[in-house]
PDB file of all heavy atoms in Angstrom:
ATOM      1  N   PRO A   1     -68.610  12.778  12.713  1.00  0.00           N
ATOM      2  CA  PRO A   1     -67.519  12.405  13.459  1.00  0.00           C
ATOM      3  C   PRO A   1     -66.782  11.107  12.817  1.00  0.00           C
ATOM      4  O   PRO A   1     -65.705  10.851  13.132  1.00  0.00           O
ATOM      5  CB  PRO A   1     -68.146  11.952  14.831  1.00  0.00           C
ATOM      6  CG  PRO A   1     -69.567  11.744  14.567  1.00  0.00           C
ATOM      7  CD  PRO A   1     -69.941  12.615  13.464  1.00  0.00           C
ATOM      8  N   VAL A   2     -67.516  10.360  11.970  1.00  0.00           N
ATOM      9  CA  VAL A   2     -67.011   9.207  11.390  1.00  0.00           C
ATOM     10  C   VAL A   2     -67.027   9.348   9.839  1.00  0.00           C
ATOM     11  O   VAL A   2     -68.096   9.746   9.274  1.00  0.00           O
ATOM     12  CB  VAL A   2     -67.806   7.946  11.794  1.00  0.00           C
ATOM     13  CG1 VAL A   2     -67.247   6.580  11.210  1.00  0.00           C
ATOM     14  CG2 VAL A   2     -67.867   7.850  13.311  1.00  0.00           C
ATOM     15  N   ILE A   3     -65.980   8.919   9.165  1.00  0.00           N
ATOM     16  CA  ILE A   3     -65.946   9.169   7.690  1.00  0.00           C
ATOM     17  C   ILE A   3     -67.009   8.294   6.940  1.00  0.00           C
ATOM     18  O   ILE A   3     -67.625   8.776   6.007  1.00  0.00           O
ATOM     19  CB  ILE A   3     -64.507   8.746   7.146  1.00  0.00           C
ATOM     20  CG1 ILE A   3     -64.364   9.369   5.716  1.00  0.00           C
ATOM     21  CG2 ILE A   3     -64.199   7.276   7.157  1.00  0.00           C
ATOM     22  CD1 ILE A   3     -63.016   9.764   5.285  1.00  0.00           C
ATOM     23  N   MET A   4     -67.382   7.092   7.514  1.00  0.00           N
ATOM     24  CA  MET A   4     -68.492   6.387   6.852  1.00  0.00           C
ATOM     25  C   MET A   4     -69.785   7.150   6.984  1.00  0.00           C
ATOM     26  O   MET A   4     -70.557   7.125   5.952  1.00  0.00           O
ATOM     27  CB  MET A   4     -68.612   5.103   7.615  1.00  0.00           C
ATOM     28  CG  MET A   4     -68.453   3.829   6.807  1.00  0.00           C
ATOM     29  SD  MET A   4     -68.452   2.380   7.882  1.00  0.00           S
ATOM     30  CE  MET A   4     -70.134   2.091   8.139  1.00  0.00           C
ATOM     31  N   GLU A   5     -69.999   7.906   7.990  1.00  0.00           N
ATOM     32  CA  GLU A   5     -71.224   8.681   8.159  1.00  0.00           C
ATOM     33  C   GLU A   5     -71.178   9.871   7.223  1.00  0.00           C
ATOM     34  O   GLU A   5     -72.277  10.248   6.663  1.00  0.00           O
ATOM     35  CB  GLU A   5     -71.386   9.145   9.649  1.00  0.00           C
ATOM     36  CG  GLU A   5     -71.763   8.045  10.566  1.00  0.00           C
ATOM     37  CD  GLU A   5     -73.025   7.380  10.262  1.00  0.00           C
ATOM     38  OE1 GLU A   5     -74.080   8.033  10.012  1.00  0.00           O
ATOM     39  OE2 GLU A   5     -73.148   6.118  10.259  1.00  0.00           O
ATOM     40  N   LEU A   6     -70.057  10.448   7.100  1.00  0.00           N
ATOM     41  CA  LEU A   6     -69.918  11.546   6.069  1.00  0.00           C
ATOM     42  C   LEU A   6     -70.374  11.044   4.587  1.00  0.00           C
ATOM     43  O   LEU A   6     -71.100  11.734   3.960  1.00  0.00           O
ATOM     44  CB  LEU A   6     -68.535  12.040   6.066  1.00  0.00           C
ATOM     45  CG  LEU A   6     -68.285  13.263   5.087  1.00  0.00           C
ATOM     46  CD1 LEU A   6     -68.981  14.582   5.504  1.00  0.00           C
ATOM     47  CD2 LEU A   6     -66.826  13.518   4.880  1.00  0.00           C
ATOM     48  N   TRP A   7     -69.821   9.958   4.279  1.00  0.00           N
ATOM     49  CA  TRP A   7     -70.156   9.304   3.045  1.00  0.00           C
ATOM     50  C   TRP A   7     -71.629   9.032   2.928  1.00  0.00           C
ATOM     51  O   TRP A   7     -72.209   9.357   1.907  1.00  0.00           O
ATOM     52  CB  TRP A   7     -69.369   8.055   2.820  1.00  0.00           C
ATOM     53  CG  TRP A   7     -69.851   7.218   1.803  1.00  0.00           C
ATOM     54  CD1 TRP A   7     -69.691   7.283   0.449  1.00  0.00           C
ATOM     55  CD2 TRP A   7     -70.591   5.912   1.979  1.00  0.00           C
ATOM     56  NE1 TRP A   7     -70.379   6.233  -0.192  1.00  0.00           N
ATOM     57  CE2 TRP A   7     -70.901   5.299   0.753  1.00  0.00           C
ATOM     58  CE3 TRP A   7     -71.106   5.210   3.134  1.00  0.00           C
ATOM     59  CZ2 TRP A   7     -71.674   4.260   0.517  1.00  0.00           C
ATOM     60  CZ3 TRP A   7     -71.870   4.124   2.881  1.00  0.00           C
ATOM     61  CH2 TRP A   7     -72.074   3.652   1.658  1.00  0.00           C
ATOM     62  N   SER A   8     -72.242   8.556   3.945  1.00  0.00           N
ATOM     63  CA  SER A   8     -73.649   8.257   3.936  1.00  0.00           C
ATOM     64  C   SER A   8     -74.382   9.550   3.797  1.00  0.00           C
ATOM     65  O   SER A   8     -75.470   9.539   3.005  1.00  0.00           O
ATOM     66  CB  SER A   8     -74.001   7.658   5.281  1.00  0.00           C
ATOM     67  OG  SER A   8     -75.350   7.247   5.345  1.00  0.00           O
ATOM     68  N   ARG A   9     -74.122  10.591   4.408  1.00  0.00           N
ATOM     69  CA  ARG A   9     -74.766  11.838   4.343  1.00  0.00           C
ATOM     70  C   ARG A   9     -74.691  12.384   2.960  1.00  0.00           C
ATOM     71  O   ARG A   9     -75.631  12.961   2.259  1.00  0.00           O
ATOM     72  CB  ARG A   9     -74.332  12.987   5.196  1.00  0.00           C
ATOM     73  CG  ARG A   9     -74.534  12.879   6.669  1.00  0.00           C
ATOM     74  CD  ARG A   9     -75.910  12.748   7.156  1.00  0.00           C
ATOM     75  NE  ARG A   9     -75.952  11.802   8.295  1.00  0.00           N
ATOM     76  CZ  ARG A   9     -76.076  10.481   8.260  1.00  0.00           C
ATOM     77  NH1 ARG A   9     -76.463   9.871   7.129  1.00  0.00           N
ATOM     78  NH2 ARG A   9     -76.140   9.819   9.355  1.00  0.00           N
ATOM     79  N   LEU A  10     -73.484  12.323   2.360  1.00  0.00           N
ATOM     80  CA  LEU A  10     -73.398  12.767   0.840  1.00  0.00           C
ATOM     81  C   LEU A  10     -74.214  11.995  -0.071  1.00  0.00           C
ATOM     82  O   LEU A  10     -74.848  12.517  -0.876  1.00  0.00           O
ATOM     83  CB  LEU A  10     -71.902  12.604   0.521  1.00  0.00           C
ATOM     84  CG  LEU A  10     -70.940  13.589   1.203  1.00  0.00           C
ATOM     85  CD1 LEU A  10     -69.487  13.228   0.973  1.00  0.00           C
ATOM     86  CD2 LEU A  10     -71.126  14.995   0.612  1.00  0.00           C
ATOM     87  N   ALA A  11     -74.358  10.704   0.214  1.00  0.00           N
ATOM     88  CA  ALA A  11     -75.119   9.804  -0.632  1.00  0.00           C
ATOM     89  C   ALA A  11     -76.577  10.151  -0.553  1.00  0.00           C
ATOM     90  O   ALA A  11     -77.340  10.193  -1.467  1.00  0.00           O
ATOM     91  CB  ALA A  11     -74.856   8.385  -0.310  1.00  0.00           C
ATOM     92  N   GLU A  12     -77.104  10.339   0.726  1.00  0.00           N
ATOM     93  CA  GLU A  12     -78.472  10.608   1.069  1.00  0.00           C
ATOM     94  C   GLU A  12     -78.893  11.870   0.232  1.00  0.00           C
ATOM     95  O   GLU A  12     -80.030  12.027  -0.105  1.00  0.00           O
ATOM     96  CB  GLU A  12     -78.702  10.874   2.491  1.00  0.00           C
ATOM     97  CG  GLU A  12     -78.823   9.675   3.396  1.00  0.00           C
ATOM     98  CD  GLU A  12     -78.892   9.997   4.865  1.00  0.00           C
ATOM     99  OE1 GLU A  12     -78.882  11.221   5.234  1.00  0.00           O
ATOM    100  OE2 GLU A  12     -78.765   9.034   5.684  1.00  0.00           O
ATOM    101  N   ARG A  13     -78.053  12.809   0.210  1.00  0.00           N
ATOM    102  CA  ARG A  13     -78.348  14.093  -0.396  1.00  0.00           C
ATOM    103  C   ARG A  13     -78.105  14.194  -1.865  1.00  0.00           C
ATOM    104  O   ARG A  13     -78.417  15.218  -2.457  1.00  0.00           O
ATOM    105  CB  ARG A  13     -77.596  15.154   0.337  1.00  0.00           C
ATOM    106  CG  ARG A  13     -78.047  15.350   1.817  1.00  0.00           C
ATOM    107  CD  ARG A  13     -77.305  16.327   2.485  1.00  0.00           C
ATOM    108  NE  ARG A  13     -77.592  16.279   3.929  1.00  0.00           N
ATOM    109  CZ  ARG A  13     -77.187  17.009   4.889  1.00  0.00           C
ATOM    110  NH1 ARG A  13     -76.358  18.001   4.524  1.00  0.00           N
ATOM    111  NH2 ARG A  13     -77.485  16.894   6.074  1.00  0.00           N
ATOM    112  N   GLY A  14     -77.784  13.084  -2.454  1.00  0.00           N
ATOM    113  CA  GLY A  14     -77.486  13.049  -3.895  1.00  0.00           C
ATOM    114  C   GLY A  14     -76.199  13.661  -4.465  1.00  0.00           C
ATOM    115  O   GLY A  14     -76.005  13.824  -5.592  1.00  0.00           O
ATOM    116  N   TYR A  15     -75.328  13.904  -3.495  1.00  0.00           N
ATOM    117  CA  TYR A  15     -74.046  14.342  -3.931  1.00  0.00           C
ATOM    118  C   TYR A  15     -73.038  13.287  -4.253  1.00  0.00           C
ATOM    119  O   TYR A  15     -72.002  13.496  -4.794  1.00  0.00           O
ATOM    120  CB  TYR A  15     -73.373  15.156  -2.786  1.00  0.00           C
ATOM    121  CG  TYR A  15     -74.165  16.417  -2.352  1.00  0.00           C
ATOM    122  CD1 TYR A  15     -74.475  16.643  -0.989  1.00  0.00           C
ATOM    123  CD2 TYR A  15     -74.631  17.306  -3.274  1.00  0.00           C
ATOM    124  CE1 TYR A  15     -75.205  17.751  -0.601  1.00  0.00           C
ATOM    125  CE2 TYR A  15     -75.410  18.356  -2.863  1.00  0.00           C
ATOM    126  CZ  TYR A  15     -75.669  18.637  -1.485  1.00  0.00           C
ATOM    127  OH  TYR A  15     -76.410  19.669  -1.170  1.00  0.00           O
ATOM    128  N   TRP A  16     -73.380  12.030  -3.965  1.00  0.00           N
ATOM    129  CA  TRP A  16     -72.567  10.983  -4.188  1.00  0.00           C
ATOM    130  C   TRP A  16     -73.369   9.797  -4.873  1.00  0.00           C
ATOM    131  O   TRP A  16     -74.523   9.663  -4.438  1.00  0.00           O
ATOM    132  CB  TRP A  16     -71.944  10.358  -2.869  1.00  0.00           C
ATOM    133  CG  TRP A  16     -70.943   9.269  -3.055  1.00  0.00           C
ATOM    134  CD1 TRP A  16     -69.544   9.483  -3.265  1.00  0.00           C
ATOM    135  CD2 TRP A  16     -71.054   7.896  -3.211  1.00  0.00           C
ATOM    136  NE1 TRP A  16     -68.902   8.336  -3.387  1.00  0.00           N
ATOM    137  CE2 TRP A  16     -69.740   7.370  -3.427  1.00  0.00           C
ATOM    138  CE3 TRP A  16     -72.111   7.041  -3.162  1.00  0.00           C
ATOM    139  CZ2 TRP A  16     -69.610   6.006  -3.623  1.00  0.00           C
ATOM    140  CZ3 TRP A  16     -71.994   5.711  -3.401  1.00  0.00           C
ATOM    141  CH2 TRP A  16     -70.724   5.142  -3.545  1.00  0.00           C
ATOM    142  N   LYS A  17     -72.790   9.188  -5.845  1.00  0.00           N
ATOM    143  CA  LYS A  17     -73.470   7.991  -6.443  1.00  0.00           C
ATOM    144  C   LYS A  17     -72.552   6.949  -6.711  1.00  0.00           C
ATOM    145  O   LYS A  17     -71.306   7.303  -6.844  1.00  0.00           O
ATOM    146  CB  LYS A  17     -74.290   8.504  -7.732  1.00  0.00           C
ATOM    147  CG  LYS A  17     -73.438   8.958  -8.868  1.00  0.00           C
ATOM    148  CD  LYS A  17     -74.239   9.354 -10.034  1.00  0.00           C
ATOM    149  CE  LYS A  17     -73.413   9.653 -11.221  1.00  0.00           C
ATOM    150  NZ  LYS A  17     -74.183   9.998 -12.451  1.00  0.00           N
ATOM    151  N   GLN A  18     -72.996   5.778  -6.884  1.00  0.00           N
ATOM    152  CA  GLN A  18     -72.109   4.572  -7.004  1.00  0.00           C
ATOM    153  C   GLN A  18     -71.439   4.884  -8.439  1.00  0.00           C
ATOM    154  O   GLN A  18     -71.941   4.987  -9.414  1.00  0.00           O
ATOM    155  CB  GLN A  18     -72.980   3.341  -7.191  1.00  0.00           C
ATOM    156  CG  GLN A  18     -72.143   2.109  -7.349  1.00  0.00           C
ATOM    157  CD  GLN A  18     -71.429   1.671  -6.129  1.00  0.00           C
ATOM    158  OE1 GLN A  18     -71.966   1.867  -4.892  1.00  0.00           O
ATOM    159  NE2 GLN A  18     -70.288   1.133  -6.193  1.00  0.00           N
ATOM    160  N   PRO A  19     -69.988   4.880  -8.343  1.00  0.00           N
ATOM    161  CA  PRO A  19     -69.359   4.955  -9.583  1.00  0.00           C
ATOM    162  C   PRO A  19     -69.411   3.739 -10.457  1.00  0.00           C
ATOM    163  O   PRO A  19     -69.951   2.781  -9.980  1.00  0.00           O
ATOM    164  CB  PRO A  19     -67.875   5.169  -9.111  1.00  0.00           C
ATOM    165  CG  PRO A  19     -67.764   4.879  -7.678  1.00  0.00           C
ATOM    166  CD  PRO A  19     -69.175   4.771  -7.144  1.00  0.00           C
ATOM    167  N   ASP A  20     -69.039   3.844 -11.688  1.00  0.00           N
ATOM    168  CA  ASP A  20     -69.077   2.786 -12.675  1.00  0.00           C
ATOM    169  C   ASP A  20     -68.313   1.475 -12.089  1.00  0.00           C
ATOM    170  O   ASP A  20     -68.832   0.404 -12.254  1.00  0.00           O
ATOM    171  CB  ASP A  20     -68.550   3.083 -14.035  1.00  0.00           C
ATOM    172  CG  ASP A  20     -69.438   4.120 -14.685  1.00  0.00           C
ATOM    173  OD1 ASP A  20     -70.643   4.152 -14.323  1.00  0.00           O
ATOM    174  OD2 ASP A  20     -68.963   4.799 -15.651  1.00  0.00           O
ATOM    175  N   ASN A  21     -67.217   1.748 -11.451  1.00  0.00           N
ATOM    176  CA  ASN A  21     -66.509   0.583 -10.924  1.00  0.00           C
ATOM    177  C   ASN A  21     -66.877   0.534  -9.381  1.00  0.00           C
ATOM    178  O   ASN A  21     -66.549   1.437  -8.600  1.00  0.00           O
ATOM    179  CB  ASN A  21     -64.946   0.738 -11.005  1.00  0.00           C
ATOM    180  CG  ASN A  21     -64.468   2.117 -10.639  1.00  0.00           C
ATOM    181  OD1 ASN A  21     -65.287   3.017 -10.459  1.00  0.00           O
ATOM    182  ND2 ASN A  21     -63.199   2.204 -10.366  1.00  0.00           N
ATOM    183  N   PRO A  22     -67.630  -0.501  -8.973  1.00  0.00           N
ATOM    184  CA  PRO A  22     -68.098  -0.614  -7.715  1.00  0.00           C
ATOM    185  C   PRO A  22     -67.157  -0.595  -6.593  1.00  0.00           C
ATOM    186  O   PRO A  22     -65.938  -0.920  -6.753  1.00  0.00           O
ATOM    187  CB  PRO A  22     -68.865  -1.998  -7.689  1.00  0.00           C
ATOM    188  CG  PRO A  22     -68.728  -2.531  -8.956  1.00  0.00           C
ATOM    189  CD  PRO A  22     -67.843  -1.691  -9.824  1.00  0.00           C
ATOM    190  N   ILE A  23     -67.687  -0.209  -5.415  1.00  0.00           N
ATOM    191  CA  ILE A  23     -66.745  -0.018  -4.233  1.00  0.00           C
ATOM    192  C   ILE A  23     -66.213  -1.380  -3.690  1.00  0.00           C
ATOM    193  O   ILE A  23     -66.945  -2.249  -3.712  1.00  0.00           O
ATOM    194  CB  ILE A  23     -67.562   0.666  -3.156  1.00  0.00           C
ATOM    195  CG1 ILE A  23     -67.748   2.099  -3.437  1.00  0.00           C
ATOM    196  CG2 ILE A  23     -66.881   0.501  -1.823  1.00  0.00           C
ATOM    197  CD1 ILE A  23     -68.196   2.938  -2.329  1.00  0.00           C
ATOM    198  N   CYS A  24     -64.883  -1.318  -3.254  1.00  0.00           N
ATOM    199  CA  CYS A  24     -64.368  -2.453  -2.598  1.00  0.00           C
ATOM    200  C   CYS A  24     -64.505  -2.151  -1.067  1.00  0.00           C
ATOM    201  O   CYS A  24     -64.983  -1.083  -0.767  1.00  0.00           O
ATOM    202  CB  CYS A  24     -62.967  -2.607  -2.963  1.00  0.00           C
ATOM    203  SG  CYS A  24     -62.668  -2.332  -4.699  1.00  0.00           S
ATOM    204  N   ASP A  25     -64.024  -3.008  -0.290  1.00  0.00           N
ATOM    205  CA  ASP A  25     -63.967  -2.840   1.100  1.00  0.00           C
ATOM    206  C   ASP A  25     -63.010  -1.650   1.458  1.00  0.00           C
ATOM    207  O   ASP A  25     -61.912  -1.787   0.915  1.00  0.00           O
ATOM    208  CB  ASP A  25     -63.615  -4.012   1.848  1.00  0.00           C
ATOM    209  CG  ASP A  25     -64.755  -5.076   1.925  1.00  0.00           C
ATOM    210  OD1 ASP A  25     -65.895  -4.680   1.656  1.00  0.00           O
ATOM    211  OD2 ASP A  25     -64.474  -6.313   1.963  1.00  0.00           O
ATOM    212  N   MET A  26     -63.356  -0.642   2.238  1.00  0.00           N
ATOM    213  CA  MET A  26     -62.446   0.407   2.575  1.00  0.00           C
ATOM    214  C   MET A  26     -62.120   0.191   4.103  1.00  0.00           C
ATOM    215  O   MET A  26     -62.896   0.030   4.867  1.00  0.00           O
ATOM    216  CB  MET A  26     -63.139   1.782   2.313  1.00  0.00           C
ATOM    217  CG  MET A  26     -63.087   2.271   0.979  1.00  0.00           C
ATOM    218  SD  MET A  26     -64.442   1.713   0.062  1.00  0.00           S
ATOM    219  CE  MET A  26     -65.866   2.323   0.769  1.00  0.00           C
ATOM    220  N   ASP A  27     -60.735   0.082   4.258  1.00  0.00           N
ATOM    221  CA  ASP A  27     -60.243  -0.030   5.523  1.00  0.00           C
ATOM    222  C   ASP A  27     -59.643   1.204   6.261  1.00  0.00           C
ATOM    223  O   ASP A  27     -59.731   1.445   7.332  1.00  0.00           O
ATOM    224  CB  ASP A  27     -59.212  -1.205   5.542  1.00  0.00           C
ATOM    225  CG  ASP A  27     -59.760  -2.479   5.182  1.00  0.00           C
ATOM    226  OD1 ASP A  27     -60.906  -2.752   5.657  1.00  0.00           O
ATOM    227  OD2 ASP A  27     -59.068  -3.361   4.570  1.00  0.00           O
TER     228      ASP A  27
END
């Protein structure tokens, strides 16, 4: 239901990894 949670699930399952240029604050 929340985009942050979607991102979290993708990361947990290894579909997402920290890019070379680190994340900034997303509003």
